[in-house]
Amino acid sequence: MRHLLAALFSLCTMLTAEEAHIVVEAYSGKVLSGQNTSVKRPVASLTKMATAVVAVDWAKATGRDISTETIIVPGIATQLPTPSPIGLAPGDSLTLRDALYSALLQSDNIAALTIAHHVGTQLLAHRGKGGDPVLAFIAEMNHLAKDINANSTTFVNVHGLENGPKPGLSTAADMARLAIHTMRRNEINFIVSQKSRKVTVTGSGGARSFTLTNTNELIGEPGILGIKTGTTNAAGACLATCMERDPLVRTKPDGTKGATPRRLIVIVLDSPNRFDRTRTLIRAGWAAYDPWLDSGAPVKDAKREILSTPK
């Protein structure tokens, strides 16, 4: 009974939740704006940021090259309710890098599942264990969440669809932590900054090529580095954005010059106009950050003013 009441409460929270957003300067962790930042809710394909981090970290740890590591679409791909934008079908093969491009630029759920199945299989083999490789991969996503202090986050799949018995839940604040962590990886930084990308898939009929177009309309605007769009009925329209400005060069008291890097992370959840809303929040974020920095970056209450994120 308690589990049923908890589930109903969670559902009611999702149905009545208003837009959530948070604006954070990534290097300092300074929170510049926020609304409903700790409300738990579905986050749709923003989930794929965690999928990408786990895959890229695995490749680095095992010495794999994402541009040559070949992965194969598993039979379970047919269980997903949405088709792949590049027509992925069981038995098709592509590189891990091209799968990341499809998952991150066009929110390809089958590509995300294929990544998880491949990496999860390798993880289980390395540990000498059997089991479901996708579940093993999801466990790594949840370990990642704990490692970056995203303690209100639970991942239940690798794509963000609400097609299981319960949805994955997170918060705007936790998604900001994940975005900061994600954009510390050069491989992902490069992928999500691309407006388009040609990828190749090999199937029974041979190789076929596709040109992917980034679903993030902000790509190409000054300073925008990417990150991830997401939309489901329960989550609404979501967007995680990273914008960078040139480092601020200032003269120190001893006469030497120092450079302060500047990067904004903006998370918008359940916003009917996520791109314009993000543009507005970016302008307001910089307008709040620069004076704060000029005044010596004062912090009165670190728990409220600084987003805790491991370096």
C-alpha atoms as a PDB file:
ATOM      1  CA  MET A   1       0.000   0.000   0.000  1.00  0.00           C
ATOM      2  CA  ARG A   2       2.815   2.374   0.860  1.00  0.00           C
ATOM      3  CA  HIS A   3       4.443   1.698  -2.508  1.00  0.00           C
ATOM      4  CA  LEU A   4       1.153   2.445  -4.277  1.00  0.00           C
ATOM      5  CA  LEU A   5       0.720   5.731  -2.393  1.00  0.00           C
ATOM      6  CA  ALA A   6       4.303   6.706  -3.173  1.00  0.00           C
ATOM      7  CA  ALA A   7       3.761   5.975  -6.850  1.00  0.00           C
ATOM      8  CA  LEU A   8       0.544   8.006  -6.899  1.00  0.00           C
ATOM      9  CA  PHE A   9       2.287  10.900  -5.158  1.00  0.00           C
ATOM     10  CA  SER A  10       5.104  10.780  -7.691  1.00  0.00           C
ATOM     11  CA  LEU A  11       2.611  10.745 -10.558  1.00  0.00           C
ATOM     12  CA  CYS A  12       0.670  13.688  -9.123  1.00  0.00           C
ATOM     13  CA  THR A  13       3.912  15.608  -8.697  1.00  0.00           C
ATOM     14  CA  MET A  14       4.776  15.042 -12.349  1.00  0.00           C
ATOM     15  CA  LEU A  15       1.334  16.026 -13.587  1.00  0.00           C
ATOM     16  CA  THR A  16       1.145  19.246 -11.573  1.00  0.00           C
ATOM     17  CA  ALA A  17       4.770  20.342 -11.869  1.00  0.00           C
ATOM     18  CA  GLU A  18       5.486  23.647 -13.542  1.00  0.00           C
ATOM     19  CA  GLU A  19       8.529  24.458 -15.610  1.00  0.00           C
ATOM     20  CA  ALA A  20      11.818  23.861 -13.837  1.00  0.00           C
ATOM     21  CA  HIS A  21      15.061  25.558 -14.731  1.00  0.00           C
ATOM     22  CA  ILE A  22      18.511  26.240 -13.376  1.00  0.00           C
ATOM     23  CA  VAL A  23      21.369  28.399 -14.632  1.00  0.00           C
ATOM     24  CA  VAL A  24      24.839  27.594 -13.306  1.00  0.00           C
ATOM     25  CA  GLU A  25      28.352  28.797 -14.073  1.00  0.00           C
ATOM     26  CA  ALA A  26      30.159  25.501 -14.562  1.00  0.00           C
ATOM     27  CA  TYR A  27      33.618  26.264 -13.179  1.00  0.00           C
ATOM     28  CA  SER A  28      32.553  28.034  -9.995  1.00  0.00           C
ATOM     29  CA  GLY A  29      29.261  26.204  -9.493  1.00  0.00           C
ATOM     30  CA  LYS A  30      27.552  29.564  -8.917  1.00  0.00           C
ATOM     31  CA  VAL A  31      23.773  29.218  -9.216  1.00  0.00           C
ATOM     32  CA  LEU A  32      22.548  32.289 -11.078  1.00  0.00           C
ATOM     33  CA  SER A  33      18.866  31.456 -11.463  1.00  0.00           C
ATOM     34  CA  GLY A  34      16.525  28.663 -10.521  1.00  0.00           C
ATOM     35  CA  GLN A  35      12.920  27.542 -10.327  1.00  0.00           C
ATOM     36  CA  ASN A  36      11.657  24.180  -9.029  1.00  0.00           C
ATOM     37  CA  THR A  37      15.263  23.020  -9.122  1.00  0.00           C
ATOM     38  CA  SER A  38      14.771  20.101  -6.722  1.00  0.00           C
ATOM     39  CA  VAL A  39      11.397  18.811  -7.957  1.00  0.00           C
ATOM     40  CA  LYS A  40      11.703  15.202  -9.133  1.00  0.00           C
ATOM     41  CA  ARG A  41      10.355  14.615 -12.618  1.00  0.00           C
ATOM     42  CA  PRO A  42      11.028  12.728 -15.863  1.00  0.00           C
ATOM     43  CA  VAL A  43      13.778  14.287 -17.983  1.00  0.00           C
ATOM     44  CA  ALA A  44      13.227  12.456 -21.297  1.00  0.00           C
ATOM     45  CA  SER A  45      16.320  12.153 -23.508  1.00  0.00           C
ATOM     46  CA  LEU A  46      18.485  14.268 -21.234  1.00  0.00           C
ATOM     47  CA  THR A  47      19.031  10.768 -19.859  1.00  0.00           C
ATOM     48  CA  LYS A  48      21.309  10.134 -22.834  1.00  0.00           C
ATOM     49  CA  MET A  49      23.951  12.436 -21.354  1.00  0.00           C
ATOM     50  CA  ALA A  50      24.569   9.746 -18.751  1.00  0.00           C
ATOM     51  CA  THR A  51      24.510   7.050 -21.439  1.00  0.00           C
ATOM     52  CA  ALA A  52      27.212   8.909 -23.362  1.00  0.00           C
ATOM     53  CA  VAL A  53      29.384   9.507 -20.286  1.00  0.00           C
ATOM     54  CA  VAL A  54      29.334   5.846 -19.238  1.00  0.00           C
ATOM     55  CA  ALA A  55      30.167   4.714 -22.792  1.00  0.00           C
ATOM     56  CA  VAL A  56      32.980   7.226 -23.322  1.00  0.00           C
ATOM     57  CA  ASP A  57      34.478   6.569 -19.894  1.00  0.00           C
ATOM     58  CA  TRP A  58      34.364   2.811 -20.564  1.00  0.00           C
ATOM     59  CA  ALA A  59      36.143   3.296 -23.896  1.00  0.00           C
ATOM     60  CA  LYS A  60      38.842   5.402 -22.282  1.00  0.00           C
ATOM     61  CA  ALA A  61      39.313   2.993 -19.369  1.00  0.00           C
ATOM     62  CA  THR A  62      39.679  -0.010 -21.701  1.00  0.00           C
ATOM     63  CA  GLY A  63      41.747   1.706 -24.389  1.00  0.00           C
ATOM     64  CA  ARG A  64      39.015   1.430 -27.036  1.00  0.00           C
ATOM     65  CA  ASP A  65      38.804   3.912 -29.895  1.00  0.00           C
ATOM     66  CA  ILE A  66      35.197   5.054 -30.308  1.00  0.00           C
ATOM     67  CA  SER A  67      35.837   5.723 -33.998  1.00  0.00           C
ATOM     68  CA  THR A  68      36.720   2.078 -34.681  1.00  0.00           C
ATOM     69  CA  GLU A  69      34.906   0.115 -31.957  1.00  0.00           C
ATOM     70  CA  THR A  70      32.137  -1.740 -33.796  1.00  0.00           C
ATOM     71  CA  ILE A  71      28.833  -2.405 -32.077  1.00  0.00           C
ATOM     72  CA  ILE A  72      25.879  -4.489 -33.255  1.00  0.00           C
ATOM     73  CA  VAL A  73      22.195  -3.697 -32.838  1.00  0.00           C
ATOM     74  CA  PRO A  74      20.708  -6.350 -30.512  1.00  0.00           C
ATOM     75  CA  GLY A  75      17.449  -8.195 -31.058  1.00  0.00           C
ATOM     76  CA  ILE A  76      15.856  -6.401 -28.084  1.00  0.00           C
ATOM     77  CA  ALA A  77      15.867  -3.214 -30.168  1.00  0.00           C
ATOM     78  CA  THR A  78      12.539  -4.317 -31.607  1.00  0.00           C
ATOM     79  CA  GLN A  79      10.963  -3.868 -28.166  1.00  0.00           C
ATOM     80  CA  LEU A  80      11.277  -0.086 -28.310  1.00  0.00           C
ATOM     81  CA  PRO A  81       8.157   1.801 -29.432  1.00  0.00           C
ATOM     82  CA  THR A  82      10.018   4.309 -31.611  1.00  0.00           C
ATOM     83  CA  PRO A  83      11.972   3.612 -34.812  1.00  0.00           C
ATOM     84  CA  SER A  84      15.576   4.648 -35.310  1.00  0.00           C
ATOM     85  CA  PRO A  85      16.006   7.809 -37.416  1.00  0.00           C
ATOM     86  CA  ILE A  86      18.798   6.018 -39.271  1.00  0.00           C
ATOM     87  CA  GLY A  87      16.834   2.804 -39.677  1.00  0.00           C
ATOM     88  CA  LEU A  88      18.811   0.680 -37.232  1.00  0.00           C
ATOM     89  CA  ALA A  89      17.596  -2.917 -37.139  1.00  0.00           C
ATOM     90  CA  PRO A  90      18.842  -6.019 -35.292  1.00  0.00           C
ATOM     91  CA  GLY A  91      22.092  -7.256 -36.797  1.00  0.00           C
ATOM     92  CA  ASP A  92      23.146  -3.880 -38.189  1.00  0.00           C
ATOM     93  CA  SER A  93      26.592  -2.660 -37.177  1.00  0.00           C
ATOM     94  CA  LEU A  94      28.142   0.782 -36.766  1.00  0.00           C
ATOM     95  CA  THR A  95      30.954   2.365 -34.828  1.00  0.00           C
ATOM     96  CA  LEU A  96      30.463   3.445 -31.239  1.00  0.00           C
ATOM     97  CA  ARG A  97      31.158   7.007 -32.345  1.00  0.00           C
ATOM     98  CA  ASP A  98      28.439   6.961 -34.995  1.00  0.00           C
ATOM     99  CA  ALA A  99      26.010   5.458 -32.480  1.00  0.00           C
ATOM    100  CA  LEU A 100      26.840   8.309 -30.081  1.00  0.00           C
ATOM    101  CA  TYR A 101      26.228  10.806 -32.878  1.00  0.00           C
ATOM    102  CA  SER A 102      22.811   9.310 -33.586  1.00  0.00           C
ATOM    103  CA  ALA A 103      21.887   9.071 -29.905  1.00  0.00           C
ATOM    104  CA  LEU A 104      22.998  12.609 -29.046  1.00  0.00           C
ATOM    105  CA  LEU A 105      22.209  14.575 -32.218  1.00  0.00           C
ATOM    106  CA  GLN A 106      18.921  12.924 -33.162  1.00  0.00           C
ATOM    107  CA  SER A 107      17.953  11.245 -29.892  1.00  0.00           C
ATOM    108  CA  ASP A 108      18.056   7.785 -31.454  1.00  0.00           C
ATOM    109  CA  ASN A 109      16.727   5.440 -28.759  1.00  0.00           C
ATOM    110  CA  ILE A 110      17.821   2.294 -30.563  1.00  0.00           C
ATOM    111  CA  ALA A 111      21.348   3.692 -30.894  1.00  0.00           C
ATOM    112  CA  ALA A 112      21.382   4.374 -27.140  1.00  0.00           C
ATOM    113  CA  LEU A 113      20.168   0.829 -26.417  1.00  0.00           C
ATOM    114  CA  THR A 114      22.793  -0.601 -28.768  1.00  0.00           C
ATOM    115  CA  ILE A 115      25.545   1.309 -26.980  1.00  0.00           C
ATOM    116  CA  ALA A 116      24.318   0.062 -23.609  1.00  0.00           C
ATOM    117  CA  HIS A 117      24.035  -3.543 -24.758  1.00  0.00           C
ATOM    118  CA  HIS A 118      27.574  -3.552 -26.177  1.00  0.00           C
ATOM    119  CA  VAL A 119      29.261  -1.831 -23.247  1.00  0.00           C
ATOM    120  CA  GLY A 120      27.209  -3.783 -20.705  1.00  0.00           C
ATOM    121  CA  THR A 121      28.221  -7.056 -22.354  1.00  0.00           C
ATOM    122  CA  GLN A 122      31.877  -6.091 -22.108  1.00  0.00           C
ATOM    123  CA  LEU A 123      31.510  -5.027 -18.481  1.00  0.00           C
ATOM    124  CA  LEU A 124      29.910  -8.325 -17.486  1.00  0.00           C
ATOM    125  CA  ALA A 125      32.567 -10.335 -19.349  1.00  0.00           C
ATOM    126  CA  HIS A 126      35.350  -8.363 -17.646  1.00  0.00           C
ATOM    127  CA  ARG A 127      33.807  -9.106 -14.245  1.00  0.00           C
ATOM    128  CA  GLY A 128      33.267 -12.771 -15.083  1.00  0.00           C
ATOM    129  CA  LYS A 129      29.532 -12.423 -14.542  1.00  0.00           C
ATOM    130  CA  GLY A 130      26.385 -13.207 -16.480  1.00  0.00           C
ATOM    131  CA  GLY A 131      23.156 -11.274 -16.591  1.00  0.00           C
ATOM    132  CA  ASP A 132      21.393  -8.588 -18.563  1.00  0.00           C
ATOM    133  CA  PRO A 133      23.994  -6.290 -20.159  1.00  0.00           C
ATOM    134  CA  VAL A 134      21.605  -3.353 -20.399  1.00  0.00           C
ATOM    135  CA  LEU A 135      20.780  -3.588 -16.695  1.00  0.00           C
ATOM    136  CA  ALA A 136      24.519  -3.695 -15.959  1.00  0.00           C
ATOM    137  CA  PHE A 137      24.946  -0.527 -17.986  1.00  0.00           C
ATOM    138  CA  ILE A 138      22.043   1.211 -16.226  1.00  0.00           C
ATOM    139  CA  ALA A 139      23.652   0.313 -12.894  1.00  0.00           C
ATOM    140  CA  GLU A 140      26.752   2.212 -14.068  1.00  0.00           C
ATOM    141  CA  MET A 141      24.569   5.210 -14.940  1.00  0.00           C
ATOM    142  CA  ASN A 142      23.204   5.216 -11.401  1.00  0.00           C
ATOM    143  CA  HIS A 143      26.709   4.877  -9.947  1.00  0.00           C
ATOM    144  CA  LEU A 144      27.644   7.908 -12.031  1.00  0.00           C
ATOM    145  CA  ALA A 145      24.702   9.856 -10.598  1.00  0.00           C
ATOM    146  CA  LYS A 146      25.860   9.150  -7.044  1.00  0.00           C
ATOM    147  CA  ASP A 147      29.470  10.014  -7.884  1.00  0.00           C
ATOM    148  CA  ILE A 148      28.493  13.500  -9.081  1.00  0.00           C
ATOM    149  CA  ASN A 149      26.121  14.194  -6.152  1.00  0.00           C
ATOM    150  CA  ALA A 150      23.019  13.778  -8.323  1.00  0.00           C
ATOM    151  CA  ASN A 151      21.347  12.088  -5.378  1.00  0.00           C
ATOM    152  CA  SER A 152      17.763  12.765  -6.503  1.00  0.00           C
ATOM    153  CA  THR A 153      18.286  10.925  -9.771  1.00  0.00           C
ATOM    154  CA  THR A 154      17.276   7.374 -10.662  1.00  0.00           C
ATOM    155  CA  PHE A 155      17.828   6.038 -14.158  1.00  0.00           C
ATOM    156  CA  VAL A 156      15.651   3.101 -15.218  1.00  0.00           C
ATOM    157  CA  ASN A 157      16.663   2.945 -18.878  1.00  0.00           C
ATOM    158  CA  VAL A 158      19.290   4.363 -21.228  1.00  0.00           C
ATOM    159  CA  HIS A 159      17.094   6.519 -23.459  1.00  0.00           C
ATOM    160  CA  GLY A 160      14.545   8.371 -21.303  1.00  0.00           C
ATOM    161  CA  LEU A 161      11.356   6.893 -22.732  1.00  0.00           C
ATOM    162  CA  GLU A 162       8.518   6.218 -20.315  1.00  0.00           C
ATOM    163  CA  ASN A 163       7.808   2.736 -21.627  1.00  0.00           C
ATOM    164  CA  GLY A 164       8.407   0.712 -18.465  1.00  0.00           C
ATOM    165  CA  PRO A 165       6.606   0.112 -15.174  1.00  0.00           C
ATOM    166  CA  LYS A 166       8.076   3.280 -13.692  1.00  0.00           C
ATOM    167  CA  PRO A 167       9.805   6.335 -15.152  1.00  0.00           C
ATOM    168  CA  GLY A 168      13.294   7.502 -14.397  1.00  0.00           C
ATOM    169  CA  LEU A 169      13.283  10.671 -12.336  1.00  0.00           C
ATOM    170  CA  SER A 170      15.700  13.515 -11.807  1.00  0.00           C
ATOM    171  CA  THR A 171      15.751  17.245 -11.072  1.00  0.00           C
ATOM    172  CA  ALA A 172      16.926  20.371 -12.839  1.00  0.00           C
ATOM    173  CA  ALA A 173      19.788  20.684 -10.339  1.00  0.00           C
ATOM    174  CA  ASP A 174      20.919  17.096 -10.912  1.00  0.00           C
ATOM    175  CA  MET A 175      20.736  17.520 -14.679  1.00  0.00           C
ATOM    176  CA  ALA A 176      22.992  20.559 -14.327  1.00  0.00           C
ATOM    177  CA  ARG A 177      25.484  18.438 -12.387  1.00  0.00           C
ATOM    178  CA  LEU A 178      25.323  15.816 -15.129  1.00  0.00           C
ATOM    179  CA  ALA A 179      25.708  18.416 -17.881  1.00  0.00           C
ATOM    180  CA  ILE A 180      28.789  19.922 -16.225  1.00  0.00           C
ATOM    181  CA  HIS A 181      30.292  16.453 -15.886  1.00  0.00           C
ATOM    182  CA  THR A 182      29.367  15.483 -19.450  1.00  0.00           C
ATOM    183  CA  MET A 183      30.990  18.511 -21.046  1.00  0.00           C
ATOM    184  CA  ARG A 184      34.325  17.766 -19.388  1.00  0.00           C
ATOM    185  CA  ARG A 185      34.805  15.068 -22.026  1.00  0.00           C
ATOM    186  CA  ASN A 186      36.314  16.329 -25.274  1.00  0.00           C
ATOM    187  CA  GLU A 187      34.756  13.508 -27.291  1.00  0.00           C
ATOM    188  CA  ILE A 188      31.228  14.422 -26.205  1.00  0.00           C
ATOM    189  CA  ASN A 189      31.955  18.139 -26.437  1.00  0.00           C
ATOM    190  CA  PHE A 190      32.837  17.712 -30.094  1.00  0.00           C
ATOM    191  CA  ILE A 191      29.895  15.458 -30.924  1.00  0.00           C
ATOM    192  CA  VAL A 192      27.167  17.663 -29.435  1.00  0.00           C
ATOM    193  CA  SER A 193      28.576  20.814 -31.047  1.00  0.00           C
ATOM    194  CA  GLN A 194      27.983  19.531 -34.586  1.00  0.00           C
ATOM    195  CA  LYS A 195      25.053  20.861 -36.625  1.00  0.00           C
ATOM    196  CA  SER A 196      25.106  17.761 -38.794  1.00  0.00           C
ATOM    197  CA  ARG A 197      27.095  14.596 -39.234  1.00  0.00           C
ATOM    198  CA  LYS A 198      27.345  11.795 -41.771  1.00  0.00           C
ATOM    199  CA  VAL A 199      27.276   8.292 -40.280  1.00  0.00           C
ATOM    200  CA  THR A 200      27.520   4.833 -41.788  1.00  0.00           C
ATOM    201  CA  VAL A 201      25.530   1.719 -40.919  1.00  0.00           C
ATOM    202  CA  THR A 202      26.309  -1.748 -42.286  1.00  0.00           C
ATOM    203  CA  GLY A 203      23.525  -4.284 -42.683  1.00  0.00           C
ATOM    204  CA  SER A 204      22.746  -7.372 -44.708  1.00  0.00           C
ATOM    205  CA  GLY A 205      22.532  -5.259 -47.853  1.00  0.00           C
ATOM    206  CA  GLY A 206      25.904  -3.586 -47.298  1.00  0.00           C
ATOM    207  CA  ALA A 207      26.850  -0.125 -46.068  1.00  0.00           C
ATOM    208  CA  ARG A 208      24.415   2.774 -46.102  1.00  0.00           C
ATOM    209  CA  SER A 209      25.020   6.385 -45.134  1.00  0.00           C
ATOM    210  CA  PHE A 210      22.857   8.927 -43.347  1.00  0.00           C
ATOM    211  CA  THR A 211      23.250  12.604 -42.589  1.00  0.00           C
ATOM    212  CA  LEU A 212      22.115  13.458 -39.079  1.00  0.00           C
ATOM    213  CA  THR A 213      20.844  16.931 -38.189  1.00  0.00           C
ATOM    214  CA  ASN A 214      21.201  18.131 -34.620  1.00  0.00           C
ATOM    215  CA  THR A 215      17.801  18.605 -32.940  1.00  0.00           C
ATOM    216  CA  ASN A 216      19.252  21.477 -30.888  1.00  0.00           C
ATOM    217  CA  GLU A 217      18.229  24.693 -32.658  1.00  0.00           C
ATOM    218  CA  LEU A 218      20.781  26.721 -30.683  1.00  0.00           C
ATOM    219  CA  ILE A 219      23.755  25.043 -32.351  1.00  0.00           C
ATOM    220  CA  GLY A 220      25.602  27.603 -34.476  1.00  0.00           C
ATOM    221  CA  GLU A 221      24.744  30.555 -32.253  1.00  0.00           C
ATOM    222  CA  PRO A 222      27.780  32.301 -30.695  1.00  0.00           C
ATOM    223  CA  GLY A 223      29.330  30.356 -27.857  1.00  0.00           C
ATOM    224  CA  ILE A 224      26.839  27.475 -27.875  1.00  0.00           C
ATOM    225  CA  LEU A 225      28.598  24.127 -27.421  1.00  0.00           C
ATOM    226  CA  GLY A 226      25.531  21.860 -27.335  1.00  0.00           C
ATOM    227  CA  ILE A 227      24.222  19.450 -25.227  1.00  0.00           C
ATOM    228  CA  LYS A 228      20.916  17.618 -25.405  1.00  0.00           C
ATOM    229  CA  THR A 229      17.240  17.974 -26.248  1.00  0.00           C
ATOM    230  CA  GLY A 230      14.479  15.737 -24.951  1.00  0.00           C
ATOM    231  CA  THR A 231      10.708  15.442 -25.205  1.00  0.00           C
ATOM    232  CA  THR A 232       8.123  12.978 -23.907  1.00  0.00           C
ATOM    233  CA  ASN A 233       4.511  13.394 -22.873  1.00  0.00           C
ATOM    234  CA  ALA A 234       5.354  13.176 -19.178  1.00  0.00           C
ATOM    235  CA  ALA A 235       8.525  15.261 -19.254  1.00  0.00           C
ATOM    236  CA  GLY A 236       7.405  17.905 -21.725  1.00  0.00           C
ATOM    237  CA  ALA A 237      10.002  19.704 -23.826  1.00  0.00           C
ATOM    238  CA  CYS A 238      13.414  19.709 -22.137  1.00  0.00           C
ATOM    239  CA  LEU A 239      16.773  21.181 -23.040  1.00  0.00           C
ATOM    240  CA  ALA A 240      20.259  21.082 -21.542  1.00  0.00           C
ATOM    241  CA  THR A 241      22.572  23.757 -22.932  1.00  0.00           C
ATOM    242  CA  CYS A 242      26.227  24.652 -22.525  1.00  0.00           C
ATOM    243  CA  MET A 243      27.531  28.066 -23.579  1.00  0.00           C
ATOM    244  CA  GLU A 244      31.097  29.287 -23.260  1.00  0.00           C
ATOM    245  CA  ARG A 245      32.674  32.726 -23.354  1.00  0.00           C
ATOM    246  CA  ASP A 246      36.344  33.568 -23.702  1.00  0.00           C
ATOM    247  CA  PRO A 247      38.206  33.499 -20.380  1.00  0.00           C
ATOM    248  CA  LEU A 248      38.089  36.766 -18.478  1.00  0.00           C
ATOM    249  CA  VAL A 249      41.634  38.129 -18.182  1.00  0.00           C
ATOM    250  CA  ARG A 250      42.266  40.319 -15.151  1.00  0.00           C
ATOM    251  CA  THR A 251      45.265  41.821 -13.389  1.00  0.00           C
ATOM    252  CA  LYS A 252      45.947  40.344  -9.951  1.00  0.00           C
ATOM    253  CA  PRO A 253      47.034  42.425  -6.935  1.00  0.00           C
ATOM    254  CA  ASP A 254      50.639  41.333  -7.523  1.00  0.00           C
ATOM    255  CA  GLY A 255      50.557  42.689 -11.067  1.00  0.00           C
ATOM    256  CA  THR A 256      50.370  39.347 -12.849  1.00  0.00           C
ATOM    257  CA  LYS A 257      47.483  38.462 -15.108  1.00  0.00           C
ATOM    258  CA  GLY A 258      45.075  35.624 -14.521  1.00  0.00           C
ATOM    259  CA  ALA A 259      42.421  34.079 -16.749  1.00  0.00           C
ATOM    260  CA  THR A 260      39.043  32.950 -15.410  1.00  0.00           C
ATOM    261  CA  PRO A 261      37.239  30.457 -17.684  1.00  0.00           C
ATOM    262  CA  ARG A 262      33.503  31.088 -18.132  1.00  0.00           C
ATOM    263  CA  ARG A 263      30.894  28.485 -19.040  1.00  0.00           C
ATOM    264  CA  LEU A 264      27.145  28.513 -18.463  1.00  0.00           C
ATOM    265  CA  ILE A 265      24.977  25.450 -18.055  1.00  0.00           C
ATOM    266  CA  VAL A 266      21.243  25.994 -18.543  1.00  0.00           C
ATOM    267  CA  ILE A 267      18.678  23.283 -17.849  1.00  0.00           C
ATOM    268  CA  VAL A 268      15.043  23.801 -18.855  1.00  0.00           C
ATOM    269  CA  LEU A 269      12.454  21.114 -18.089  1.00  0.00           C
ATOM    270  CA  ASP A 270       8.871  21.083 -19.343  1.00  0.00           C
ATOM    271  CA  SER A 271       9.064  24.376 -21.215  1.00  0.00           C
ATOM    272  CA  PRO A 272       6.699  24.994 -24.157  1.00  0.00           C
ATOM    273  CA  ASN A 273       9.339  27.160 -25.844  1.00  0.00           C
ATOM    274  CA  ARG A 274      12.583  25.668 -24.620  1.00  0.00           C
ATOM    275  CA  PHE A 275      14.912  27.344 -27.112  1.00  0.00           C
ATOM    276  CA  ASP A 276      13.738  30.934 -26.614  1.00  0.00           C
ATOM    277  CA  ARG A 277      13.451  30.300 -22.886  1.00  0.00           C
ATOM    278  CA  THR A 278      17.070  29.153 -22.841  1.00  0.00           C
ATOM    279  CA  ARG A 279      18.205  32.208 -24.782  1.00  0.00           C
ATOM    280  CA  THR A 280      16.511  34.438 -22.218  1.00  0.00           C
ATOM    281  CA  LEU A 281      18.060  32.535 -19.324  1.00  0.00           C
ATOM    282  CA  ILE A 282      21.507  32.722 -20.907  1.00  0.00           C
ATOM    283  CA  ARG A 283      21.322  36.511 -21.190  1.00  0.00           C
ATOM    284  CA  ALA A 284      20.107  36.825 -17.606  1.00  0.00           C
ATOM    285  CA  GLY A 285      22.759  34.375 -16.426  1.00  0.00           C
ATOM    286  CA  TRP A 286      25.662  36.342 -17.843  1.00  0.00           C
ATOM    287  CA  ALA A 287      24.133  39.573 -16.575  1.00  0.00           C
ATOM    288  CA  ALA A 288      24.183  38.104 -13.066  1.00  0.00           C
ATOM    289  CA  TYR A 289      27.519  36.284 -13.259  1.00  0.00           C
ATOM    290  CA  ASP A 290      29.872  39.032 -14.439  1.00  0.00           C
ATOM    291  CA  PRO A 291      28.990  41.523 -11.641  1.00  0.00           C
ATOM    292  CA  TRP A 292      29.243  38.708  -9.091  1.00  0.00           C
ATOM    293  CA  LEU A 293      32.721  37.858 -10.333  1.00  0.00           C
ATOM    294  CA  ASP A 294      33.767  41.518 -10.424  1.00  0.00           C
ATOM    295  CA  SER A 295      32.696  41.945  -6.812  1.00  0.00           C
ATOM    296  CA  GLY A 296      35.055  39.175  -5.706  1.00  0.00           C
ATOM    297  CA  ALA A 297      32.701  36.168  -6.119  1.00  0.00           C
ATOM    298  CA  PRO A 298      31.236  36.438  -2.603  1.00  0.00           C
ATOM    299  CA  VAL A 299      29.429  33.406  -1.145  1.00  0.00           C
ATOM    300  CA  LYS A 300      27.315  33.745   1.993  1.00  0.00           C
ATOM    301  CA  ASP A 301      25.547  30.383   1.945  1.00  0.00           C
ATOM    302  CA  ALA A 302      27.402  27.796  -0.124  1.00  0.00           C
ATOM    303  CA  LYS A 303      24.620  25.200   0.142  1.00  0.00           C
ATOM    304  CA  ARG A 304      22.164  27.577  -1.532  1.00  0.00           C
ATOM    305  CA  GLU A 305      24.458  29.517  -3.835  1.00  0.00           C
ATOM    306  CA  ILE A 306      26.879  26.859  -5.131  1.00  0.00           C
ATOM    307  CA  LEU A 307      25.925  23.658  -6.953  1.00  0.00           C
ATOM    308  CA  SER A 308      28.023  20.905  -5.447  1.00  0.00           C
ATOM    309  CA  THR A 309      29.823  19.007  -8.190  1.00  0.00           C
ATOM    310  CA  PRO A 310      33.009  16.947  -7.827  1.00  0.00           C
ATOM    311  CA  LYS A 311      35.911  18.355  -9.828  1.00  0.00           C
END
